[in-house]
Amino acid sequence: MKTLRSHFRTAIPVLCAAALLASQAMALPAVEPAQVDQIVLADSDCYAIGQQVAEENGGTLAKASQSTRGGQPVCVIVVLVPGKDGQRPRRSEIVVPQN
């Protein structure tokens, strides 16, 4: 016959595991997908602007990112312009208004 102590020995680990799982389930962060969509749209705009700037400068687009300068949204474009006489490409950073 089991004693009260042996019942507690089996019940305590089960209760602890249940409490741990319940606390982790309640601690999961809520994700708002609307914010992610806004960021992707701005990045795609800067990417399109970066492609135009790279074409105008005769180089290839390396990076296009959104930033804020002076309270205005801008695109920071990095273009790799081919070097002369087989030298490595030159990195050119250009800031363009997003509007």
Protein backbone atom coordinates (compact mmCIF):
# COMPACT_ATOMS: atom_id res chain seq x y z
CA MET A 1 0.00 0.00 0.00
CA LYS A 2 1.29 3.40 -0.94
CA THR A 3 1.89 5.97 1.68
CA LEU A 4 1.05 9.64 1.42
CA ARG A 5 4.73 10.43 0.85
CA SER A 6 4.94 8.21 -2.24
CA HIS A 7 1.84 9.91 -3.69
CA PHE A 8 3.52 13.30 -3.27
CA ARG A 9 6.71 11.99 -4.91
CA THR A 10 4.83 11.14 -8.09
CA ALA A 11 2.52 14.17 -8.08
CA ILE A 12 5.11 16.93 -7.52
CA PRO A 13 7.14 16.42 -10.76
CA VAL A 14 3.94 16.25 -12.81
CA LEU A 15 2.60 19.46 -11.27
CA CYS A 16 5.94 21.24 -11.75
CA ALA A 17 6.08 20.25 -15.43
CA ALA A 18 2.50 21.43 -15.98
CA ALA A 19 3.22 24.76 -14.28
CA LEU A 20 6.37 25.26 -16.38
CA LEU A 21 4.54 24.59 -19.64
CA ALA A 22 1.67 26.89 -18.68
CA SER A 23 4.02 29.76 -17.78
CA GLN A 24 5.95 29.43 -21.06
CA ALA A 25 2.75 29.35 -23.09
CA MET A 26 1.57 32.61 -21.51
CA ALA A 27 4.97 34.29 -22.02
CA LEU A 28 4.92 34.00 -25.83
CA PRO A 29 5.13 37.45 -27.47
CA ALA A 30 2.34 38.67 -29.72
CA VAL A 31 3.51 39.46 -33.27
CA GLU A 32 1.93 42.20 -35.36
CA PRO A 33 2.39 41.40 -39.07
CA ALA A 34 1.20 44.88 -40.15
CA GLN A 35 4.52 46.44 -39.03
CA VAL A 36 6.55 43.96 -41.07
CA ASP A 37 4.55 44.78 -44.22
CA GLN A 38 5.32 48.49 -43.85
CA ILE A 39 9.06 47.85 -43.57
CA VAL A 40 9.10 45.59 -46.62
CA LEU A 41 7.32 48.23 -48.72
CA ALA A 42 9.86 50.90 -47.80
CA ASP A 43 12.77 48.57 -48.50
CA SER A 44 11.36 47.67 -51.91
CA ASP A 45 11.00 51.39 -52.75
CA CYS A 46 14.62 52.03 -51.79
CA TYR A 47 15.71 49.00 -53.78
CA ALA A 48 14.00 50.34 -56.92
CA ILE A 49 15.54 53.78 -56.36
CA GLY A 50 18.92 52.10 -55.82
CA GLN A 51 18.70 50.26 -59.12
CA GLN A 52 18.06 53.54 -60.94
CA VAL A 53 20.98 55.26 -59.16
CA ALA A 54 23.32 52.36 -59.91
CA GLU A 55 22.36 52.44 -63.59
CA GLU A 56 22.95 56.22 -63.75
CA ASN A 57 26.42 55.80 -62.21
CA GLY A 58 27.40 52.81 -64.34
CA GLY A 59 27.79 50.44 -61.41
CA THR A 60 26.00 47.65 -59.60
CA LEU A 61 23.72 48.02 -56.59
CA ALA A 62 25.36 46.63 -53.44
CA LYS A 63 22.94 47.84 -50.75
CA ALA A 64 19.75 49.88 -50.42
CA SER A 65 18.36 50.78 -47.01
CA GLN A 66 15.90 53.26 -45.53
CA SER A 67 16.99 55.87 -43.01
CA THR A 68 15.82 59.17 -41.55
CA ARG A 69 17.95 62.27 -41.90
CA GLY A 70 16.76 65.64 -40.65
CA GLY A 71 13.32 64.16 -39.99
CA GLN A 72 12.89 63.20 -43.65
CA PRO A 73 12.82 59.62 -44.98
CA VAL A 74 15.79 58.93 -47.26
CA CYS A 75 17.31 55.93 -49.03
CA VAL A 76 20.97 55.18 -48.44
CA ILE A 77 22.28 53.57 -51.64
CA VAL A 78 25.65 51.83 -51.96
CA VAL A 79 26.89 51.38 -55.54
CA LEU A 80 29.98 49.50 -56.66
CA VAL A 81 31.53 51.34 -59.61
CA PRO A 82 34.07 49.31 -61.66
CA GLY A 83 37.70 50.34 -61.13
CA LYS A 84 40.04 51.48 -63.90
CA ASP A 85 42.72 49.22 -65.42
CA GLY A 86 41.52 46.09 -63.61
CA GLN A 87 41.54 47.64 -60.14
CA ARG A 88 38.94 46.64 -57.60
CA PRO A 89 35.53 48.35 -57.68
CA ARG A 90 35.06 51.68 -55.94
CA ARG A 91 32.34 51.91 -53.26
CA SER A 92 30.10 54.94 -53.57
CA GLU A 93 27.44 55.81 -50.97
CA ILE A 94 24.62 58.05 -52.19
CA VAL A 95 21.76 59.47 -50.08
CA VAL A 96 18.55 60.07 -52.03
CA PRO A 97 15.23 61.48 -50.74
CA GLN A 98 12.60 58.74 -50.67
CA ASN A 99 9.82 60.91 -52.10
